[in-house]
Amino acid sequence: MNWYGIRAIYKFEMARTWRTLMQSIASPVLSTSLYFIVFGAAIGSRMGEIDGVSYGAFIIPGLIMLSLLSESISNASFGIFFPKFSGTIYEVLSAPVSPFEIVAGYVGAAATKSIVLGVLILVTARFFVDYEILHPFWMLGFLVLTAVTFSMFGFIIGVWADDFQKLQIIPLMVITPLTFLGGAFYSINMLPELWQKITLFNPVVYLISGFRWSFYGVADVNVGISLGMTLLFLLLCMATVWWIFRTGYRIKT
């Protein structure tokens, strides 16, 4: 295992975060704070409880997931796409590092950024609403697992994309709508029975449900199923990354 290679890629990607601090950290935290002000403090104070949890506190896991998914994908996809775009990817491929070490460096850095962002949003939420974390270990576990999974998914998108427009298609046109429709701002039990069944085909439902359970002990889906679906998606991403390096699909273009 070439730890020096992994550390070099990791440190380079983390350094890019500090150079773009306003865009990478401050902007998502500010955007999420606006959600807390509007939905948590303003609208939430006029709404009743959901599953025994105040509305302002109920939406915290969903808002964290909204930022976590989009930022994990964005960080990882741009991290691998830009070397392809600038041609410096050949320096990485010619270095004595294996495909696993390349993925570990890029995905590890992207996941770290997302976890830091999630923690900052969690701290920021305290200024607007009161909440408790019933299962802190599981909360951290879901946070890390989701960050790693979607950072790897973002890595795949970065390899697939051949222009900057494609980098934004899936996060904006797929992930964000699925998050809004996946129970970020409501419980799917509030939907008509037919729509409850349809919503279960949305994979983001399981992420938000499991994460919310770690906070308040309430969930729309069994927590075991939520964990299993997250692990399944991680395995699919790992298999796809293995296939990419096995076939050389777009990794050099």
C-alpha atoms as a PDB file:
ATOM      1  CA  MET A   1       0.000   0.000   0.000  1.00  0.00           C
ATOM      2  CA  ASN A   2       1.484   3.336  -1.125  1.00  0.00           C
ATOM      3  CA  TRP A   3       0.414   5.578   1.756  1.00  0.00           C
ATOM      4  CA  TYR A   4       2.574   8.420   0.425  1.00  0.00           C
ATOM      5  CA  GLY A   5       0.620   8.426  -2.834  1.00  0.00           C
ATOM      6  CA  ILE A   6      -2.743   8.372  -1.066  1.00  0.00           C
ATOM      7  CA  ARG A   7      -1.639  11.164   1.264  1.00  0.00           C
ATOM      8  CA  ALA A   8      -0.346  13.287  -1.635  1.00  0.00           C
ATOM      9  CA  ILE A   9      -3.674  13.112  -3.497  1.00  0.00           C
ATOM     10  CA  TYR A  10      -5.624  13.612  -0.269  1.00  0.00           C
ATOM     11  CA  LYS A  11      -3.605  16.652   0.816  1.00  0.00           C
ATOM     12  CA  PHE A  12      -3.814  18.214  -2.649  1.00  0.00           C
ATOM     13  CA  GLU A  13      -7.606  17.903  -2.699  1.00  0.00           C
ATOM     14  CA  MET A  14      -7.962  19.197   0.855  1.00  0.00           C
ATOM     15  CA  ALA A  15      -5.728  22.164   0.013  1.00  0.00           C
ATOM     16  CA  ARG A  16      -8.118  23.035  -2.817  1.00  0.00           C
ATOM     17  CA  THR A  17     -10.910  23.223  -0.247  1.00  0.00           C
ATOM     18  CA  TRP A  18      -9.067  25.797   1.854  1.00  0.00           C
ATOM     19  CA  ARG A  19      -8.333  27.841  -1.280  1.00  0.00           C
ATOM     20  CA  THR A  20     -12.052  27.927  -2.099  1.00  0.00           C
ATOM     21  CA  LEU A  21     -13.374  28.111   1.450  1.00  0.00           C
ATOM     22  CA  MET A  22     -16.297  30.414   0.630  1.00  0.00           C
ATOM     23  CA  GLN A  23     -17.551  28.156  -2.139  1.00  0.00           C
ATOM     24  CA  SER A  24     -16.784  24.804  -0.501  1.00  0.00           C
ATOM     25  CA  ILE A  25     -17.888  25.412   3.084  1.00  0.00           C
ATOM     26  CA  ALA A  26     -19.382  28.850   3.726  1.00  0.00           C
ATOM     27  CA  SER A  27     -21.869  28.825   0.839  1.00  0.00           C
ATOM     28  CA  PRO A  28     -23.557  25.462   1.680  1.00  0.00           C
ATOM     29  CA  VAL A  29     -23.738  26.368   5.392  1.00  0.00           C
ATOM     30  CA  LEU A  30     -25.292  29.752   4.573  1.00  0.00           C
ATOM     31  CA  SER A  31     -27.816  28.180   2.191  1.00  0.00           C
ATOM     32  CA  THR A  32     -28.835  25.602   4.770  1.00  0.00           C
ATOM     33  CA  SER A  33     -29.132  28.333   7.416  1.00  0.00           C
ATOM     34  CA  LEU A  34     -31.727  30.027   5.217  1.00  0.00           C
ATOM     35  CA  TYR A  35     -33.727  26.785   5.190  1.00  0.00           C
ATOM     36  CA  PHE A  36     -33.603  26.735   8.986  1.00  0.00           C
ATOM     37  CA  ILE A  37     -34.757  30.352   9.178  1.00  0.00           C
ATOM     38  CA  VAL A  38     -37.652  29.895   6.745  1.00  0.00           C
ATOM     39  CA  PHE A  39     -38.808  26.333   7.442  1.00  0.00           C
ATOM     40  CA  GLY A  40     -37.531  25.883  10.970  1.00  0.00           C
ATOM     41  CA  ALA A  41     -38.079  29.190  12.748  1.00  0.00           C
ATOM     42  CA  ALA A  42     -40.734  30.947  10.633  1.00  0.00           C
ATOM     43  CA  ILE A  43     -42.950  28.208   9.206  1.00  0.00           C
ATOM     44  CA  GLY A  44     -41.978  25.508  11.687  1.00  0.00           C
ATOM     45  CA  SER A  45     -43.175  27.516  14.690  1.00  0.00           C
ATOM     46  CA  ARG A  46     -46.687  27.490  13.184  1.00  0.00           C
ATOM     47  CA  MET A  47     -46.777  23.783  12.393  1.00  0.00           C
ATOM     48  CA  GLY A  48     -47.533  20.875  14.649  1.00  0.00           C
ATOM     49  CA  GLU A  49     -45.251  18.044  15.613  1.00  0.00           C
ATOM     50  CA  ILE A  50     -44.433  15.123  13.322  1.00  0.00           C
ATOM     51  CA  ASP A  51     -44.058  11.779  15.107  1.00  0.00           C
ATOM     52  CA  GLY A  52     -43.675  13.672  18.364  1.00  0.00           C
ATOM     53  CA  VAL A  53     -40.849  15.881  17.022  1.00  0.00           C
ATOM     54  CA  SER A  54     -41.149  19.609  16.384  1.00  0.00           C
ATOM     55  CA  TYR A  55     -41.090  20.476  12.686  1.00  0.00           C
ATOM     56  CA  GLY A  56     -37.946  22.579  12.981  1.00  0.00           C
ATOM     57  CA  ALA A  57     -36.056  19.681  14.536  1.00  0.00           C
ATOM     58  CA  PHE A  58     -37.684  17.124  12.219  1.00  0.00           C
ATOM     59  CA  ILE A  59     -36.157  18.652   9.075  1.00  0.00           C
ATOM     60  CA  ILE A  60     -32.573  18.803  10.413  1.00  0.00           C
ATOM     61  CA  PRO A  61     -31.562  15.297   9.208  1.00  0.00           C
ATOM     62  CA  GLY A  62     -33.136  15.970   5.802  1.00  0.00           C
ATOM     63  CA  LEU A  63     -31.326  19.279   5.381  1.00  0.00           C
ATOM     64  CA  ILE A  64     -28.004  17.738   6.362  1.00  0.00           C
ATOM     65  CA  MET A  65     -28.570  14.962   3.832  1.00  0.00           C
ATOM     66  CA  LEU A  66     -29.516  17.490   1.163  1.00  0.00           C
ATOM     67  CA  SER A  67     -26.144  19.223   1.541  1.00  0.00           C
ATOM     68  CA  LEU A  68     -24.198  16.035   2.165  1.00  0.00           C
ATOM     69  CA  LEU A  69     -25.354  14.295  -1.010  1.00  0.00           C
ATOM     70  CA  SER A  70     -24.858  17.267  -3.315  1.00  0.00           C
ATOM     71  CA  GLU A  71     -21.482  18.284  -1.875  1.00  0.00           C
ATOM     72  CA  SER A  72     -20.108  14.726  -1.799  1.00  0.00           C
ATOM     73  CA  ILE A  73     -20.904  14.306  -5.471  1.00  0.00           C
ATOM     74  CA  SER A  74     -19.687  17.776  -6.412  1.00  0.00           C
ATOM     75  CA  ASN A  75     -16.358  17.509  -4.575  1.00  0.00           C
ATOM     76  CA  ALA A  76     -15.455  14.064  -5.863  1.00  0.00           C
ATOM     77  CA  SER A  77     -16.625  14.605  -9.444  1.00  0.00           C
ATOM     78  CA  PHE A  78     -14.723  17.877  -9.859  1.00  0.00           C
ATOM     79  CA  GLY A  79     -11.666  16.407  -8.152  1.00  0.00           C
ATOM     80  CA  ILE A  80     -11.192  13.715 -10.818  1.00  0.00           C
ATOM     81  CA  PHE A  81     -12.686  15.635 -13.756  1.00  0.00           C
ATOM     82  CA  PHE A  82     -10.356  18.632 -13.593  1.00  0.00           C
ATOM     83  CA  PRO A  83      -7.154  16.552 -14.005  1.00  0.00           C
ATOM     84  CA  LYS A  84      -8.783  14.959 -17.063  1.00  0.00           C
ATOM     85  CA  PHE A  85      -9.750  18.380 -18.384  1.00  0.00           C
ATOM     86  CA  SER A  86      -6.288  19.900 -17.838  1.00  0.00           C
ATOM     87  CA  GLY A  87      -4.343  16.804 -18.883  1.00  0.00           C
ATOM     88  CA  THR A  88      -2.632  16.299 -15.527  1.00  0.00           C
ATOM     89  CA  ILE A  89      -4.430  12.963 -15.099  1.00  0.00           C
ATOM     90  CA  TYR A  90      -1.468  11.363 -16.913  1.00  0.00           C
ATOM     91  CA  GLU A  91       0.829  12.390 -14.078  1.00  0.00           C
ATOM     92  CA  VAL A  92      -1.430  10.557 -11.642  1.00  0.00           C
ATOM     93  CA  LEU A  93      -1.715   7.467 -13.855  1.00  0.00           C
ATOM     94  CA  SER A  94       2.042   7.310 -14.443  1.00  0.00           C
ATOM     95  CA  ALA A  95       2.817   7.604 -10.719  1.00  0.00           C
ATOM     96  CA  PRO A  96       3.490   4.407  -8.716  1.00  0.00           C
ATOM     97  CA  VAL A  97      -0.022   4.329  -7.265  1.00  0.00           C
ATOM     98  CA  SER A  98      -2.669   1.685  -7.828  1.00  0.00           C
ATOM     99  CA  PRO A  99      -6.296   2.359  -8.856  1.00  0.00           C
ATOM    100  CA  PHE A 100      -7.371   1.632  -5.287  1.00  0.00           C
ATOM    101  CA  GLU A 101      -4.951   4.245  -3.954  1.00  0.00           C
ATOM    102  CA  ILE A 102      -6.129   6.849  -6.476  1.00  0.00           C
ATOM    103  CA  VAL A 103      -9.756   6.272  -5.478  1.00  0.00           C
ATOM    104  CA  ALA A 104      -8.847   6.292  -1.783  1.00  0.00           C
ATOM    105  CA  GLY A 105      -7.145   9.688  -2.149  1.00  0.00           C
ATOM    106  CA  TYR A 106      -9.889  11.415  -4.127  1.00  0.00           C
ATOM    107  CA  VAL A 107     -12.875   9.802  -2.406  1.00  0.00           C
ATOM    108  CA  GLY A 108     -11.310  10.134   1.034  1.00  0.00           C
ATOM    109  CA  ALA A 109     -10.772  13.871   0.561  1.00  0.00           C
ATOM    110  CA  ALA A 110     -14.279  14.433  -0.817  1.00  0.00           C
ATOM    111  CA  ALA A 111     -15.840  12.439   2.018  1.00  0.00           C
ATOM    112  CA  THR A 112     -13.821  14.361   4.610  1.00  0.00           C
ATOM    113  CA  LYS A 113     -15.051  17.692   3.229  1.00  0.00           C
ATOM    114  CA  SER A 114     -18.646  16.478   3.280  1.00  0.00           C
ATOM    115  CA  ILE A 115     -18.390  15.173   6.841  1.00  0.00           C
ATOM    116  CA  VAL A 116     -16.916  18.482   8.023  1.00  0.00           C
ATOM    117  CA  LEU A 117     -19.728  20.293   6.229  1.00  0.00           C
ATOM    118  CA  GLY A 118     -22.356  18.033   7.815  1.00  0.00           C
ATOM    119  CA  VAL A 119     -20.961  18.669  11.302  1.00  0.00           C
ATOM    120  CA  LEU A 120     -20.893  22.429  10.686  1.00  0.00           C
ATOM    121  CA  ILE A 121     -24.541  22.367   9.566  1.00  0.00           C
ATOM    122  CA  LEU A 122     -25.417  20.335  12.655  1.00  0.00           C
ATOM    123  CA  VAL A 123     -23.744  22.946  14.867  1.00  0.00           C
ATOM    124  CA  THR A 124     -25.420  25.783  12.945  1.00  0.00           C
ATOM    125  CA  ALA A 125     -28.851  24.181  13.466  1.00  0.00           C
ATOM    126  CA  ARG A 126     -28.443  24.629  17.216  1.00  0.00           C
ATOM    127  CA  PHE A 127     -28.724  28.407  16.751  1.00  0.00           C
ATOM    128  CA  PHE A 128     -32.204  28.038  15.229  1.00  0.00           C
ATOM    129  CA  VAL A 129     -33.892  24.997  16.782  1.00  0.00           C
ATOM    130  CA  ASP A 130     -33.462  22.646  19.727  1.00  0.00           C
ATOM    131  CA  TYR A 131     -32.786  19.010  18.923  1.00  0.00           C
ATOM    132  CA  GLU A 132     -31.324  15.882  20.436  1.00  0.00           C
ATOM    133  CA  ILE A 133     -29.316  12.977  19.055  1.00  0.00           C
ATOM    134  CA  LEU A 134     -30.690   9.754  20.486  1.00  0.00           C
ATOM    135  CA  HIS A 135     -28.108   7.476  18.844  1.00  0.00           C
ATOM    136  CA  PRO A 136     -24.899   9.505  18.256  1.00  0.00           C
ATOM    137  CA  PHE A 137     -22.870   6.453  17.192  1.00  0.00           C
ATOM    138  CA  TRP A 138     -25.363   5.538  14.490  1.00  0.00           C
ATOM    139  CA  MET A 139     -25.692   9.187  13.463  1.00  0.00           C
ATOM    140  CA  LEU A 140     -21.944   9.363  12.849  1.00  0.00           C
ATOM    141  CA  GLY A 141     -22.042   5.990  11.104  1.00  0.00           C
ATOM    142  CA  PHE A 142     -24.763   7.048   8.676  1.00  0.00           C
ATOM    143  CA  LEU A 143     -22.982  10.363   8.108  1.00  0.00           C
ATOM    144  CA  VAL A 144     -19.657   8.727   7.223  1.00  0.00           C
ATOM    145  CA  LEU A 145     -21.214   5.900   5.198  1.00  0.00           C
ATOM    146  CA  THR A 146     -23.334   8.286   3.134  1.00  0.00           C
ATOM    147  CA  ALA A 147     -20.411  10.668   2.562  1.00  0.00           C
ATOM    148  CA  VAL A 148     -18.134   7.851   1.353  1.00  0.00           C
ATOM    149  CA  THR A 149     -20.846   6.261  -0.814  1.00  0.00           C
ATOM    150  CA  PHE A 150     -21.836   9.435  -2.631  1.00  0.00           C
ATOM    151  CA  SER A 151     -18.248  10.637  -2.915  1.00  0.00           C
ATOM    152  CA  MET A 152     -17.548   7.415  -4.784  1.00  0.00           C
ATOM    153  CA  PHE A 153     -20.654   8.032  -6.874  1.00  0.00           C
ATOM    154  CA  GLY A 154     -19.327  11.519  -7.607  1.00  0.00           C
ATOM    155  CA  PHE A 155     -15.995   9.993  -8.659  1.00  0.00           C
ATOM    156  CA  ILE A 156     -17.874   7.866 -11.183  1.00  0.00           C
ATOM    157  CA  ILE A 157     -19.705  10.937 -12.503  1.00  0.00           C
ATOM    158  CA  GLY A 158     -16.384  12.784 -12.835  1.00  0.00           C
ATOM    159  CA  VAL A 159     -14.969   9.941 -14.916  1.00  0.00           C
ATOM    160  CA  TRP A 160     -18.110   9.739 -17.055  1.00  0.00           C
ATOM    161  CA  ALA A 161     -18.420  13.489 -17.709  1.00  0.00           C
ATOM    162  CA  ASP A 162     -16.582  14.959 -20.672  1.00  0.00           C
ATOM    163  CA  ASP A 163     -17.591  18.599 -20.061  1.00  0.00           C
ATOM    164  CA  PHE A 164     -18.536  20.816 -17.127  1.00  0.00           C
ATOM    165  CA  GLN A 165     -22.231  20.697 -18.002  1.00  0.00           C
ATOM    166  CA  LYS A 166     -22.408  16.938 -17.440  1.00  0.00           C
ATOM    167  CA  LEU A 167     -20.930  17.384 -13.966  1.00  0.00           C
ATOM    168  CA  GLN A 168     -24.107  19.218 -12.940  1.00  0.00           C
ATOM    169  CA  ILE A 169     -26.755  17.104 -14.665  1.00  0.00           C
ATOM    170  CA  ILE A 170     -27.091  14.311 -12.116  1.00  0.00           C
ATOM    171  CA  PRO A 171     -26.718  16.424  -8.930  1.00  0.00           C
ATOM    172  CA  LEU A 172     -29.222  19.053 -10.120  1.00  0.00           C
ATOM    173  CA  MET A 173     -31.618  16.980 -12.205  1.00  0.00           C
ATOM    174  CA  VAL A 174     -31.633  13.728 -10.224  1.00  0.00           C
ATOM    175  CA  ILE A 175     -30.189  13.919  -6.691  1.00  0.00           C
ATOM    176  CA  THR A 176     -31.760  17.206  -5.561  1.00  0.00           C
ATOM    177  CA  PRO A 177     -35.316  16.297  -6.693  1.00  0.00           C
ATOM    178  CA  LEU A 178     -35.009  12.824  -5.150  1.00  0.00           C
ATOM    179  CA  THR A 179     -33.912  14.403  -1.855  1.00  0.00           C
ATOM    180  CA  PHE A 180     -36.840  16.819  -1.788  1.00  0.00           C
ATOM    181  CA  LEU A 181     -39.219  13.966  -2.629  1.00  0.00           C
ATOM    182  CA  GLY A 182     -37.513  11.564  -0.231  1.00  0.00           C
ATOM    183  CA  GLY A 183     -38.887  12.936   3.025  1.00  0.00           C
ATOM    184  CA  ALA A 184     -36.411  15.725   3.731  1.00  0.00           C
ATOM    185  CA  PHE A 185     -39.224  18.094   4.771  1.00  0.00           C
ATOM    186  CA  TYR A 186     -41.986  15.625   5.654  1.00  0.00           C
ATOM    187  CA  SER A 187     -42.699  12.072   6.695  1.00  0.00           C
ATOM    188  CA  ILE A 188     -43.731   9.814   3.819  1.00  0.00           C
ATOM    189  CA  ASN A 189     -46.445   8.480   6.148  1.00  0.00           C
ATOM    190  CA  MET A 190     -48.222  11.799   5.531  1.00  0.00           C
ATOM    191  CA  LEU A 191     -48.689  10.843   1.866  1.00  0.00           C
ATOM    192  CA  PRO A 192     -51.624   8.889   0.406  1.00  0.00           C
ATOM    193  CA  GLU A 193     -51.083   5.142   0.505  1.00  0.00           C
ATOM    194  CA  LEU A 194     -50.374   4.879  -3.227  1.00  0.00           C
ATOM    195  CA  TRP A 195     -47.697   7.586  -3.097  1.00  0.00           C
ATOM    196  CA  GLN A 196     -46.150   5.982  -0.028  1.00  0.00           C
ATOM    197  CA  LYS A 197     -45.539   2.825  -2.055  1.00  0.00           C
ATOM    198  CA  ILE A 198     -44.196   4.786  -5.033  1.00  0.00           C
ATOM    199  CA  THR A 199     -41.863   6.787  -2.786  1.00  0.00           C
ATOM    200  CA  LEU A 200     -40.241   3.580  -1.553  1.00  0.00           C
ATOM    201  CA  PHE A 201     -38.608   3.286  -4.998  1.00  0.00           C
ATOM    202  CA  ASN A 202     -36.691   6.480  -4.178  1.00  0.00           C
ATOM    203  CA  PRO A 203     -33.301   5.366  -2.751  1.00  0.00           C
ATOM    204  CA  VAL A 204     -32.815   8.655  -0.887  1.00  0.00           C
ATOM    205  CA  VAL A 205     -35.811   7.795   1.330  1.00  0.00           C
ATOM    206  CA  TYR A 206     -33.739   5.100   3.033  1.00  0.00           C
ATOM    207  CA  LEU A 207     -30.815   7.454   3.660  1.00  0.00           C
ATOM    208  CA  ILE A 208     -32.938  10.182   5.229  1.00  0.00           C
ATOM    209  CA  SER A 209     -35.085   7.739   7.189  1.00  0.00           C
ATOM    210  CA  GLY A 210     -32.104   5.970   8.739  1.00  0.00           C
ATOM    211  CA  PHE A 211     -30.357   9.235   9.513  1.00  0.00           C
ATOM    212  CA  ARG A 212     -33.499  10.674  11.130  1.00  0.00           C
ATOM    213  CA  TRP A 213     -33.871   7.524  13.231  1.00  0.00           C
ATOM    214  CA  SER A 214     -30.406   8.127  14.686  1.00  0.00           C
ATOM    215  CA  PHE A 215     -31.622  11.525  15.903  1.00  0.00           C
ATOM    216  CA  TYR A 216     -35.110  10.862  17.243  1.00  0.00           C
ATOM    217  CA  GLY A 217     -35.723   7.130  17.096  1.00  0.00           C
ATOM    218  CA  VAL A 218     -38.480   7.562  14.485  1.00  0.00           C
ATOM    219  CA  ALA A 219     -38.241   6.400  10.884  1.00  0.00           C
ATOM    220  CA  ASP A 220     -40.390   5.913   7.811  1.00  0.00           C
ATOM    221  CA  VAL A 221     -38.510   2.710   6.936  1.00  0.00           C
ATOM    222  CA  ASN A 222     -36.965   0.059   9.159  1.00  0.00           C
ATOM    223  CA  VAL A 223     -33.441   1.162  10.078  1.00  0.00           C
ATOM    224  CA  GLY A 224     -32.010  -2.224   9.080  1.00  0.00           C
ATOM    225  CA  ILE A 225     -33.412  -1.815   5.570  1.00  0.00           C
ATOM    226  CA  SER A 226     -32.040   1.745   5.415  1.00  0.00           C
ATOM    227  CA  LEU A 227     -28.565   0.539   6.353  1.00  0.00           C
ATOM    228  CA  GLY A 228     -28.767  -2.357   3.918  1.00  0.00           C
ATOM    229  CA  MET A 229     -29.801  -0.130   0.997  1.00  0.00           C
ATOM    230  CA  THR A 230     -26.944   2.276   1.727  1.00  0.00           C
ATOM    231  CA  LEU A 231     -24.422  -0.569   1.817  1.00  0.00           C
ATOM    232  CA  LEU A 232     -25.874  -2.001  -1.399  1.00  0.00           C
ATOM    233  CA  PHE A 233     -25.405   1.315  -3.199  1.00  0.00           C
ATOM    234  CA  LEU A 234     -21.842   1.515  -1.864  1.00  0.00           C
ATOM    235  CA  LEU A 235     -21.090  -1.947  -3.238  1.00  0.00           C
ATOM    236  CA  LEU A 236     -22.555  -0.981  -6.617  1.00  0.00           C
ATOM    237  CA  CYS A 237     -20.342   2.119  -6.705  1.00  0.00           C
ATOM    238  CA  MET A 238     -17.273   0.069  -5.752  1.00  0.00           C
ATOM    239  CA  ALA A 239     -18.030  -2.440  -8.507  1.00  0.00           C
ATOM    240  CA  THR A 240     -18.446   0.367 -11.039  1.00  0.00           C
ATOM    241  CA  VAL A 241     -15.131   1.983 -10.047  1.00  0.00           C
ATOM    242  CA  TRP A 242     -13.412  -1.399 -10.355  1.00  0.00           C
ATOM    243  CA  TRP A 243     -14.873  -1.793 -13.856  1.00  0.00           C
ATOM    244  CA  ILE A 244     -13.716   1.715 -14.826  1.00  0.00           C
ATOM    245  CA  PHE A 245     -10.090   0.987 -14.002  1.00  0.00           C
ATOM    246  CA  ARG A 246     -10.347  -2.525 -15.395  1.00  0.00           C
ATOM    247  CA  THR A 247     -11.501  -1.263 -18.796  1.00  0.00           C
ATOM    248  CA  GLY A 248      -9.899   2.212 -18.760  1.00  0.00           C
ATOM    249  CA  TYR A 249     -13.299   3.757 -19.507  1.00  0.00           C
ATOM    250  CA  ARG A 250     -12.779   7.512 -20.136  1.00  0.00           C
ATOM    251  CA  ILE A 251     -10.147   7.697 -17.415  1.00  0.00           C
ATOM    252  CA  LYS A 252      -7.578   9.111 -19.849  1.00  0.00           C
ATOM    253  CA  THR A 253      -9.788  11.448 -21.919  1.00  0.00           C
END
